[in-house]
């Protein structure tokens, strides 16, 4: 847990549910500025993803305001990150990078287009070479950039890295990034048009936009490259494009970080609420945690949070220092993102539901963070698409990822078994581009990549001596996702699985309070339902309506007549 105590700052004491949409957006920018200035990263920190960089990305404060984290991920990870590797040969970029590092200017990353989505390799925005530099242009509506926040509405200058096709003498020289001023503190720059989108349902709002360019003049130095005179077409266009968007792969690893802390907060909120919320019996009050239907969601969220929290830094270490293969680094990022985010999507709705009506309200965190979580599914690469690509490459043997041995756990047996099963299907089909492969193998992609993540996370938890009851709960949680395989392959029929789960819950429940404390998330939790005292204090802070109106006798008679 971070030692900067940002959770005590006045900006994080403001409750978003009391604000208008624009007030919330403004607050997100203020909070992002505070975080950036607290961590004081250097360009080298960002370029090389130093421990300081990862400390910022994994700070639990990021799980309190996902709009803020969205700003940080694009500003630091993508914009500063992309520019940082050119500073040695492009000292002219230093003043801009310094402004970004101070958050005097906000950086946004304009890659995807409305009509192309994930097919970002085939963008249509053009940057045509002229004798004075380049002309940036959006040729049609489908080529508008979707959906980074580009409005001038919140009093801060913005600059974008815009991915566009470099056109020289009528020839497409491949996609490149260009530095494009978007707005000053008050208005858009000439030729740049920002159309603000409506708020994403049930989320912390941000000024997401559609951005287009109408023949914007750019200087030669706008080209993001170490050598701005090298305008030659790439020999391998796809490889060159991946090199341009190299920060996306690191972003894939970074964006799950807040959701681990959100899982911890969800477990803590649901656990504490279930301990003090009671039903009235004939002789005494019974806390709802006494019921197995409440015990499982709380323990499941707790176990998943503890296992993911332990695994994530180990995954970062492997990706950043233990492998030199960029393909394996990206593979690890995909495995982590798929595993963390899908766990989040299963645990949070279940826990929120078990908190009843309270679980549906913004002030109790879970409903809003569930909706915010839907955005991370597509951020820095859609999970399913990433899994399809990775799964295909693993089956084709283009590279491997480190897998625990089958003797390590049932979860390792499951992951290895699924890989073997699909490898045999591919061998039988003979062609990974066939319709049969599309129908029989590709739909298994995400489940298999998740299974690999489950096995890795479980093995890491065992090495870290995570308490055995937590390991057992996590194992049962994973078995629930594919019960047929465990029945068919390791002899765990439905009743055996039920008994295994029962034993795990009984072993873990006596230590629930200690496990919740071990999450080290309480300082970041403001949901009032955590305690009865907290709830009453929160209610006292809400608007209260009273009056002196009286009911006239004729109104009563009229009501009786209607009844």
Foldseek 3Di string as FASTA:
>chain_A
DDPPPPCPDPLNVDDCVVDDLVVLQLSLLVVLLVLLVVLLDDLVCQQQVNPSNLCSLQPLLCLSAVSNVVQVCFLRLFPSNLLSVLCVLCVVCVVVSVCSSNSLEGEGEFQDFQQQAPVSQPAAWEWEQDPFATWTFQPDNRRWTWWDQQFLPNQGWYKYFHWHFYAYPNDGQAIFTFIGGADHNHGGDPQKDWAFDDAQPLASGHRITTITGHGDDDGLVRTRDNDSVPSHRDPDRVVVVCVRRVSLLVSLLSVLSNLLSVLLLLLLLLVLLQQPDWDDDPPGTDRNCVDPLSLLLNLLSLLLSVLLVLQSVVLVCCLSPVDPDPLQSSLSSLLSNLQSLVSSLVRLVSSLVVSPPLSCDVLQPRNHSNSSSVVSCPRSHHNLVSLLVSLVCVLVCVDDYDADDVVQDVLSVVLVVVSVVLNVVCVVVVDCPDVCVVVPPSVCRSVNSNSRSLRSSLSSCVVVCPDPLSSLSSVLVNCVVPVPCCCVPVVCDPVNSVVSNVVSSVVCVVCSVVSSVVSVSVSVGQRQSSDPVSVVVVVVVDDDDDDDDDDDPVNVVVVVVVD
